[in-house]
């Protein structure tokens, strides 16, 4: 059996901190979006957005737990937050979709760092990739007009 390459713990912790910061930014983003929804569909939309914020908090905590398990120090920073001041539902969903793509890329970067070095981190990264891809698919479907079968991206 071939010897496995050692995990670069510092690099893994840096990437996990990037993920932690992105997930916290997602919490702020989804909470803000939920406050800016008006109209007839407000109640189900704000519930979905606040559920996304809660899930982001859980994901941030999980990333932080992985950091401390590796002996690292979780970041107190929050990822980049931008305000478009466009609060129409389709615009909010496009911004959310962009954020989900950035988070997905961060988890893929973690997978690359962990692959062949830590099954534990590999499986975590794969699970989070699956969840992010599911979020992207869901937001994509929300952006489509009824009957439109063509994905946005």
N, C-alpha and C. Protein backbone atom coordinates (compact mmCIF):
# COMPACT_ATOMS: atom_id res chain seq x y z
N UNK A 1 0.84 -1.18 0.00
CA UNK A 1 0.00 0.00 0.00
C UNK A 1 0.89 1.25 0.00
N UNK A 2 0.57 2.19 -0.86
CA UNK A 2 1.36 3.42 -0.98
C UNK A 2 1.16 4.29 0.25
N UNK A 3 2.22 4.95 0.65
CA UNK A 3 2.17 5.84 1.80
C UNK A 3 1.40 7.10 1.41
N UNK A 4 0.50 7.51 2.29
CA UNK A 4 -0.31 8.70 2.05
C UNK A 4 0.50 9.95 2.38
N UNK A 5 0.28 10.98 1.60
CA UNK A 5 0.92 12.26 1.85
C UNK A 5 0.26 12.91 3.07
N UNK A 6 1.05 13.57 3.90
CA UNK A 6 0.51 14.21 5.11
C UNK A 6 -0.35 15.41 4.75
N UNK A 7 -1.37 15.61 5.54
CA UNK A 7 -2.25 16.77 5.39
C UNK A 7 -1.48 18.02 5.78
N UNK A 8 -1.58 19.05 4.96
CA UNK A 8 -1.02 20.36 5.30
C UNK A 8 -2.05 21.04 6.21
N UNK A 9 -1.86 20.90 7.52
CA UNK A 9 -2.83 21.37 8.50
C UNK A 9 -3.01 22.89 8.41
N UNK A 10 -1.93 23.62 8.22
CA UNK A 10 -2.04 25.08 8.13
C UNK A 10 -2.89 25.48 6.93
N UNK A 11 -2.64 24.86 5.81
CA UNK A 11 -3.41 25.16 4.59
C UNK A 11 -4.88 24.76 4.78
N UNK A 12 -5.12 23.61 5.41
CA UNK A 12 -6.49 23.17 5.66
C UNK A 12 -7.21 24.16 6.58
N UNK A 13 -6.54 24.61 7.63
CA UNK A 13 -7.16 25.58 8.55
C UNK A 13 -7.44 26.91 7.85
N UNK A 14 -6.53 27.34 6.98
CA UNK A 14 -6.76 28.58 6.24
C UNK A 14 -8.01 28.46 5.37
N UNK A 15 -8.15 27.32 4.70
CA UNK A 15 -9.31 27.12 3.84
C UNK A 15 -10.59 26.99 4.67
N UNK A 16 -10.50 26.29 5.79
CA UNK A 16 -11.67 26.18 6.67
C UNK A 16 -12.07 27.55 7.22
N UNK A 17 -11.10 28.40 7.51
CA UNK A 17 -11.42 29.76 7.95
C UNK A 17 -12.09 30.55 6.84
N UNK A 18 -11.64 30.37 5.62
CA UNK A 18 -12.29 31.02 4.47
C UNK A 18 -13.75 30.57 4.39
N UNK A 19 -13.96 29.26 4.57
CA UNK A 19 -15.32 28.70 4.55
C UNK A 19 -16.14 29.26 5.70
N UNK A 20 -15.57 29.31 6.89
CA UNK A 20 -16.25 29.86 8.06
C UNK A 20 -16.71 31.29 7.77
N UNK A 21 -15.82 32.10 7.22
CA UNK A 21 -16.15 33.49 6.91
C UNK A 21 -17.24 33.59 5.84
N UNK A 22 -17.18 32.72 4.83
CA UNK A 22 -18.21 32.71 3.78
C UNK A 22 -19.57 32.31 4.35
N UNK A 23 -19.57 31.30 5.20
CA UNK A 23 -20.84 30.84 5.77
C UNK A 23 -21.45 31.94 6.66
N UNK A 24 -20.61 32.63 7.43
CA UNK A 24 -21.12 33.73 8.26
C UNK A 24 -21.66 34.86 7.38
N UNK A 25 -20.99 35.14 6.28
CA UNK A 25 -21.50 36.16 5.35
C UNK A 25 -22.85 35.72 4.79
N UNK A 26 -23.00 34.43 4.54
CA UNK A 26 -24.28 33.91 4.06
C UNK A 26 -25.38 34.11 5.08
N UNK A 27 -25.06 33.93 6.35
CA UNK A 27 -26.04 34.15 7.42
C UNK A 27 -26.53 35.60 7.37
N UNK A 28 -25.60 36.53 7.33
CA UNK A 28 -25.96 37.95 7.30
C UNK A 28 -26.75 38.27 6.03
N UNK A 29 -26.28 37.75 4.92
CA UNK A 29 -26.92 38.00 3.63
C UNK A 29 -28.37 37.51 3.63
N UNK A 30 -28.59 36.24 4.03
CA UNK A 30 -29.95 35.69 4.00
C UNK A 30 -30.87 36.38 5.01
N UNK A 31 -30.35 36.76 6.17
CA UNK A 31 -31.18 37.48 7.13
C UNK A 31 -31.58 38.84 6.55
N UNK A 32 -30.60 39.54 5.97
CA UNK A 32 -30.90 40.84 5.34
C UNK A 32 -31.95 40.68 4.25
N UNK A 33 -31.74 39.70 3.39
CA UNK A 33 -32.71 39.48 2.31
C UNK A 33 -34.11 39.24 2.88
N UNK A 34 -34.19 38.45 3.94
CA UNK A 34 -35.51 38.13 4.51
C UNK A 34 -36.22 39.38 5.02
N UNK A 35 -35.46 40.36 5.45
CA UNK A 35 -36.05 41.60 5.94
C UNK A 35 -36.54 42.50 4.82
N UNK A 36 -36.03 42.28 3.62
CA UNK A 36 -36.34 43.16 2.50
C UNK A 36 -37.40 42.60 1.56
N UNK A 37 -38.04 41.50 1.92
CA UNK A 37 -39.06 40.89 1.06
C UNK A 37 -40.42 41.48 1.37
N UNK A 38 -41.08 41.91 0.32
CA UNK A 38 -42.43 42.44 0.42
C UNK A 38 -43.30 41.74 -0.61
N UNK A 39 -44.59 41.80 -0.40
CA UNK A 39 -45.51 41.26 -1.40
C UNK A 39 -46.24 40.03 -0.91
N UNK A 40 -47.04 39.47 -1.82
CA UNK A 40 -47.93 38.38 -1.47
C UNK A 40 -47.23 37.10 -1.02
N UNK A 41 -46.07 36.83 -1.56
CA UNK A 41 -45.37 35.58 -1.23
C UNK A 41 -44.36 35.77 -0.09
N UNK A 42 -44.47 36.87 0.64
CA UNK A 42 -43.48 37.21 1.66
C UNK A 42 -43.25 36.10 2.68
N UNK A 43 -44.31 35.57 3.26
CA UNK A 43 -44.16 34.62 4.37
C UNK A 43 -43.38 33.38 3.97
N UNK A 44 -43.71 32.68 2.90
CA UNK A 44 -42.90 31.49 2.57
C UNK A 44 -41.47 31.83 2.15
N UNK A 45 -41.29 32.98 1.51
CA UNK A 45 -39.95 33.37 1.07
C UNK A 45 -39.07 33.72 2.27
N UNK A 46 -39.60 34.49 3.22
CA UNK A 46 -38.76 34.84 4.37
C UNK A 46 -38.46 33.60 5.21
N UNK A 47 -39.40 32.67 5.29
CA UNK A 47 -39.13 31.43 6.03
C UNK A 47 -37.98 30.68 5.37
N UNK A 48 -38.01 30.55 4.05
CA UNK A 48 -36.94 29.86 3.34
C UNK A 48 -35.60 30.56 3.56
N UNK A 49 -35.60 31.89 3.48
CA UNK A 49 -34.36 32.64 3.66
C UNK A 49 -33.82 32.51 5.08
N UNK A 50 -34.69 32.56 6.06
CA UNK A 50 -34.23 32.42 7.44
C UNK A 50 -33.77 30.99 7.72
N UNK A 51 -34.38 30.02 7.08
CA UNK A 51 -33.88 28.64 7.18
C UNK A 51 -32.47 28.55 6.60
N UNK A 52 -32.24 29.26 5.50
CA UNK A 52 -30.90 29.27 4.89
C UNK A 52 -29.89 29.93 5.84
N UNK A 53 -30.31 30.99 6.51
CA UNK A 53 -29.43 31.66 7.47
C UNK A 53 -29.08 30.72 8.63
N UNK A 54 -30.07 29.99 9.13
CA UNK A 54 -29.83 29.04 10.22
C UNK A 54 -28.88 27.94 9.77
N UNK A 55 -29.10 27.44 8.57
CA UNK A 55 -28.21 26.40 8.03
C UNK A 55 -26.79 26.93 7.87
N UNK A 56 -26.67 28.17 7.42
CA UNK A 56 -25.34 28.78 7.29
C UNK A 56 -24.64 28.87 8.64
N UNK A 57 -25.39 29.18 9.68
CA UNK A 57 -24.81 29.24 11.03
C UNK A 57 -24.32 27.85 11.45
N UNK A 58 -25.10 26.83 11.15
CA UNK A 58 -24.67 25.45 11.45
C UNK A 58 -23.41 25.09 10.67
N UNK A 59 -23.35 25.49 9.40
CA UNK A 59 -22.18 25.20 8.58
C UNK A 59 -20.95 25.95 9.09
N UNK A 60 -21.14 27.19 9.53
CA UNK A 60 -20.03 27.96 10.09
C UNK A 60 -19.50 27.29 11.36
N UNK A 61 -20.41 26.84 12.21
CA UNK A 61 -20.01 26.17 13.44
C UNK A 61 -19.24 24.89 13.13
N UNK A 62 -19.70 24.15 12.13
CA UNK A 62 -19.03 22.91 11.75
C UNK A 62 -17.62 23.19 11.25
N UNK A 63 -17.47 24.21 10.42
CA UNK A 63 -16.13 24.58 9.93
C UNK A 63 -15.24 24.97 11.11
N UNK A 64 -15.78 25.73 12.05
CA UNK A 64 -15.02 26.12 13.23
C UNK A 64 -14.61 24.93 14.07
N UNK A 65 -15.48 23.96 14.20
CA UNK A 65 -15.15 22.74 14.95
C UNK A 65 -14.00 21.99 14.28
N UNK A 66 -14.02 21.94 12.96
CA UNK A 66 -12.93 21.27 12.24
C UNK A 66 -11.61 22.02 12.44
N UNK A 67 -11.68 23.34 12.44
CA UNK A 67 -10.47 24.14 12.65
C UNK A 67 -9.87 23.84 14.03
N UNK A 68 -10.71 23.86 15.05
CA UNK A 68 -10.18 23.63 16.41
C UNK A 68 -9.72 22.19 16.58
N UNK A 69 -10.35 21.24 15.91
CA UNK A 69 -9.89 19.86 15.97
C UNK A 69 -8.47 19.74 15.42
N UNK A 70 -8.20 20.52 14.38
CA UNK A 70 -6.87 20.50 13.76
C UNK A 70 -5.86 21.35 14.53
N UNK A 71 -6.31 22.01 15.59
CA UNK A 71 -5.40 22.84 16.39
C UNK A 71 -5.32 24.27 15.93
N UNK A 72 -6.23 24.67 15.03
CA UNK A 72 -6.24 26.03 14.53
C UNK A 72 -7.12 26.95 15.35
N UNK A 73 -7.17 28.19 14.93
CA UNK A 73 -7.95 29.23 15.61
C UNK A 73 -9.00 29.77 14.64
N UNK A 74 -10.30 29.60 14.96
CA UNK A 74 -11.35 30.09 14.07
C UNK A 74 -11.32 31.61 13.91
N UNK A 75 -11.54 32.05 12.71
CA UNK A 75 -11.55 33.47 12.38
C UNK A 75 -12.76 34.17 13.00
N UNK A 76 -12.57 35.42 13.33
CA UNK A 76 -13.68 36.27 13.77
C UNK A 76 -14.18 37.15 12.63
N UNK A 77 -13.62 36.98 11.44
CA UNK A 77 -14.02 37.80 10.31
C UNK A 77 -15.28 37.23 9.65
N UNK A 78 -15.91 38.09 8.88
CA UNK A 78 -17.05 37.69 8.08
C UNK A 78 -16.66 37.94 6.63
N UNK A 79 -17.04 37.01 5.75
CA UNK A 79 -16.71 37.16 4.34
C UNK A 79 -17.29 38.43 3.74
N UNK A 80 -16.90 38.70 2.52
CA UNK A 80 -17.31 39.92 1.81
C UNK A 80 -18.84 40.03 1.74
N UNK A 81 -19.30 41.19 2.10
CA UNK A 81 -20.73 41.51 2.00
C UNK A 81 -20.88 42.70 1.08
N UNK A 82 -21.72 42.56 0.08
CA UNK A 82 -21.98 43.69 -0.80
C UNK A 82 -23.48 43.94 -0.81
N UNK A 83 -23.84 45.16 -1.02
CA UNK A 83 -25.25 45.57 -1.02
C UNK A 83 -25.57 46.17 -2.37
N UNK A 84 -26.43 45.50 -3.11
CA UNK A 84 -26.80 46.00 -4.44
C UNK A 84 -27.94 47.02 -4.35
N UNK A 85 -28.65 47.01 -3.22
CA UNK A 85 -29.83 47.85 -3.03
C UNK A 85 -30.93 47.49 -4.03
N UNK A 86 -30.85 46.30 -4.61
CA UNK A 86 -31.88 45.78 -5.50
C UNK A 86 -32.62 44.69 -4.72
N UNK A 87 -33.88 44.92 -4.39
CA UNK A 87 -34.57 44.01 -3.52
C UNK A 87 -35.76 43.30 -4.17
N UNK A 88 -35.75 43.26 -5.48
CA UNK A 88 -36.73 42.43 -6.17
C UNK A 88 -36.32 40.98 -5.96
N UNK A 89 -37.28 40.10 -5.81
CA UNK A 89 -36.99 38.69 -5.51
C UNK A 89 -36.01 38.07 -6.51
N UNK A 90 -36.19 38.23 -7.82
CA UNK A 90 -35.22 37.63 -8.75
C UNK A 90 -33.79 38.14 -8.54
N UNK A 91 -33.63 39.42 -8.24
CA UNK A 91 -32.30 39.98 -8.00
C UNK A 91 -31.70 39.39 -6.73
N UNK A 92 -32.49 39.31 -5.68
CA UNK A 92 -32.03 38.71 -4.43
C UNK A 92 -31.58 37.27 -4.67
N UNK A 93 -32.37 36.53 -5.43
CA UNK A 93 -32.03 35.13 -5.70
C UNK A 93 -30.76 35.01 -6.55
N UNK A 94 -30.56 35.93 -7.50
CA UNK A 94 -29.32 35.90 -8.30
C UNK A 94 -28.11 36.18 -7.41
N UNK A 95 -28.25 37.12 -6.49
CA UNK A 95 -27.15 37.40 -5.56
C UNK A 95 -26.89 36.19 -4.66
N UNK A 96 -27.95 35.55 -4.21
CA UNK A 96 -27.80 34.34 -3.39
C UNK A 96 -27.11 33.24 -4.20
N UNK A 97 -27.49 33.11 -5.46
CA UNK A 97 -26.89 32.10 -6.32
C UNK A 97 -25.40 32.36 -6.51
N UNK A 98 -25.02 33.61 -6.70
CA UNK A 98 -23.60 33.95 -6.81
C UNK A 98 -22.85 33.57 -5.54
N UNK A 99 -23.44 33.86 -4.39
CA UNK A 99 -22.81 33.52 -3.11
C UNK A 99 -22.66 32.00 -2.97
N UNK A 100 -23.68 31.26 -3.36
CA UNK A 100 -23.62 29.79 -3.26
C UNK A 100 -22.51 29.24 -4.16
N UNK A 101 -22.31 29.82 -5.32
CA UNK A 101 -21.23 29.37 -6.21
C UNK A 101 -19.85 29.63 -5.59
N UNK A 102 -19.71 30.75 -4.92
CA UNK A 102 -18.44 31.06 -4.25
C UNK A 102 -18.18 30.06 -3.13
N UNK A 103 -19.21 29.76 -2.34
CA UNK A 103 -19.08 28.78 -1.26
C UNK A 103 -18.75 27.40 -1.82
N UNK A 104 -19.40 27.02 -2.91
CA UNK A 104 -19.12 25.73 -3.54
C UNK A 104 -17.66 25.64 -3.95
N UNK A 105 -17.13 26.68 -4.55
CA UNK A 105 -15.72 26.68 -4.96
C UNK A 105 -14.81 26.53 -3.75
N UNK A 106 -15.17 27.15 -2.63
CA UNK A 106 -14.34 27.04 -1.41
C UNK A 106 -14.32 25.61 -0.89
N UNK A 107 -15.45 24.93 -0.96
CA UNK A 107 -15.49 23.53 -0.51
C UNK A 107 -14.70 22.63 -1.47
N UNK A 108 -14.75 22.92 -2.76
CA UNK A 108 -13.94 22.16 -3.71
C UNK A 108 -12.45 22.36 -3.44
N UNK A 109 -12.06 23.59 -3.06
CA UNK A 109 -10.66 23.85 -2.71
C UNK A 109 -10.26 23.04 -1.47
N UNK A 110 -11.16 22.95 -0.49
CA UNK A 110 -10.88 22.14 0.69
C UNK A 110 -10.73 20.67 0.31
N UNK A 111 -11.58 20.19 -0.57
CA UNK A 111 -11.49 18.81 -1.02
C UNK A 111 -10.13 18.55 -1.66
N UNK A 112 -9.66 19.47 -2.45
CA UNK A 112 -8.36 19.33 -3.09
C UNK A 112 -7.24 19.24 -2.05
N UNK A 113 -7.33 20.04 -1.00
CA UNK A 113 -6.33 20.02 0.07
C UNK A 113 -6.35 18.69 0.82
N UNK A 114 -7.56 18.16 1.06
CA UNK A 114 -7.72 16.97 1.89
C UNK A 114 -7.59 15.65 1.13
N UNK A 115 -7.85 15.69 -0.17
CA UNK A 115 -7.93 14.45 -0.96
C UNK A 115 -6.65 13.63 -0.86
N UNK A 116 -6.82 12.37 -0.46
CA UNK A 116 -5.70 11.46 -0.31
C UNK A 116 -4.88 11.69 0.95
N UNK A 117 -5.33 12.63 1.78
CA UNK A 117 -4.56 12.99 2.97
C UNK A 117 -5.37 12.83 4.25
N UNK A 118 -6.69 13.05 4.15
CA UNK A 118 -7.57 12.96 5.33
C UNK A 118 -8.97 12.56 4.88
N UNK A 119 -9.33 11.33 5.13
CA UNK A 119 -10.67 10.86 4.78
C UNK A 119 -11.72 11.69 5.51
N UNK A 120 -11.43 12.02 6.75
CA UNK A 120 -12.35 12.81 7.57
C UNK A 120 -12.68 14.15 6.91
N UNK A 121 -11.66 14.88 6.48
CA UNK A 121 -11.90 16.17 5.83
C UNK A 121 -12.44 16.00 4.41
N UNK A 122 -11.99 14.94 3.74
CA UNK A 122 -12.53 14.66 2.40
C UNK A 122 -14.03 14.46 2.45
N UNK A 123 -14.47 13.62 3.39
CA UNK A 123 -15.90 13.32 3.48
C UNK A 123 -16.70 14.55 3.89
N UNK A 124 -16.15 15.36 4.77
CA UNK A 124 -16.80 16.62 5.15
C UNK A 124 -16.95 17.51 3.92
N UNK A 125 -15.86 17.69 3.17
CA UNK A 125 -15.90 18.53 1.98
C UNK A 125 -16.90 18.00 0.96
N UNK A 126 -16.90 16.69 0.76
CA UNK A 126 -17.85 16.09 -0.21
C UNK A 126 -19.31 16.31 0.23
N UNK A 127 -19.57 16.14 1.52
CA UNK A 127 -20.93 16.34 2.02
C UNK A 127 -21.37 17.79 1.82
N UNK A 128 -20.47 18.73 2.10
CA UNK A 128 -20.81 20.13 1.95
C UNK A 128 -20.95 20.51 0.47
N UNK A 129 -20.15 19.91 -0.39
CA UNK A 129 -20.29 20.13 -1.83
C UNK A 129 -21.67 19.67 -2.29
N UNK A 130 -22.07 18.51 -1.81
CA UNK A 130 -23.40 17.99 -2.18
C UNK A 130 -24.49 18.97 -1.73
N UNK A 131 -24.38 19.48 -0.51
CA UNK A 131 -25.39 20.42 -0.01
C UNK A 131 -25.38 21.73 -0.79
N UNK A 132 -24.19 22.25 -1.10
CA UNK A 132 -24.11 23.50 -1.86
C UNK A 132 -24.66 23.32 -3.27
N UNK A 133 -24.36 22.18 -3.89
CA UNK A 133 -24.89 21.93 -5.23
C UNK A 133 -26.42 21.81 -5.19
N UNK A 134 -26.95 21.23 -4.12
CA UNK A 134 -28.41 21.15 -3.97
C UNK A 134 -29.01 22.55 -3.79
N UNK A 135 -28.34 23.41 -3.02
CA UNK A 135 -28.82 24.79 -2.85
C UNK A 135 -28.82 25.52 -4.19
N UNK A 136 -27.75 25.35 -4.93
CA UNK A 136 -27.65 26.00 -6.24
C UNK A 136 -28.78 25.54 -7.16
N UNK A 137 -29.04 24.25 -7.17
CA UNK A 137 -30.13 23.72 -8.00
C UNK A 137 -31.48 24.29 -7.57
N UNK A 138 -31.68 24.40 -6.27
CA UNK A 138 -32.95 24.92 -5.76
C UNK A 138 -33.14 26.40 -6.13
N UNK A 139 -32.10 27.19 -5.93
CA UNK A 139 -32.20 28.62 -6.27
C UNK A 139 -32.38 28.78 -7.78
N UNK A 140 -31.67 27.97 -8.54
CA UNK A 140 -31.82 28.01 -10.00
C UNK A 140 -33.27 27.76 -10.40
N UNK A 141 -33.89 26.76 -9.78
CA UNK A 141 -35.30 26.46 -10.10
C UNK A 141 -36.22 27.60 -9.67
N UNK A 142 -35.87 28.27 -8.57
CA UNK A 142 -36.69 29.40 -8.11
C UNK A 142 -36.61 30.57 -9.08
N UNK A 143 -35.50 30.68 -9.79
CA UNK A 143 -35.32 31.77 -10.75
C UNK A 143 -36.02 31.52 -12.09
N UNK A 144 -36.38 30.29 -12.35
CA UNK A 144 -37.02 29.96 -13.63
C UNK A 144 -38.50 30.34 -13.63
N UNK A 145 -38.98 30.64 -14.80
CA UNK A 145 -40.41 30.88 -14.99
C UNK A 145 -41.11 29.51 -15.02
N UNK A 146 -42.36 29.45 -14.62
CA UNK A 146 -43.08 28.18 -14.68
C UNK A 146 -43.01 27.57 -16.10
N UNK A 147 -42.66 26.31 -16.15
CA UNK A 147 -42.54 25.60 -17.42
C UNK A 147 -41.17 25.68 -18.06
N UNK A 148 -40.29 26.55 -17.57
CA UNK A 148 -38.95 26.68 -18.11
C UNK A 148 -38.06 25.58 -17.55
N UNK A 149 -37.62 24.69 -18.41
CA UNK A 149 -36.82 23.54 -17.98
C UNK A 149 -35.31 23.78 -18.12
N UNK A 150 -34.95 24.93 -18.64
CA UNK A 150 -33.53 25.22 -18.89
C UNK A 150 -32.87 25.82 -17.66
N UNK A 151 -31.82 25.17 -17.13
CA UNK A 151 -31.12 25.74 -15.97
C UNK A 151 -30.52 27.10 -16.31
N UNK A 152 -30.40 27.96 -15.28
CA UNK A 152 -29.83 29.29 -15.43
C UNK A 152 -28.35 29.20 -15.80
N UNK A 153 -27.61 28.30 -15.14
CA UNK A 153 -26.17 28.15 -15.36
C UNK A 153 -25.86 26.70 -15.62
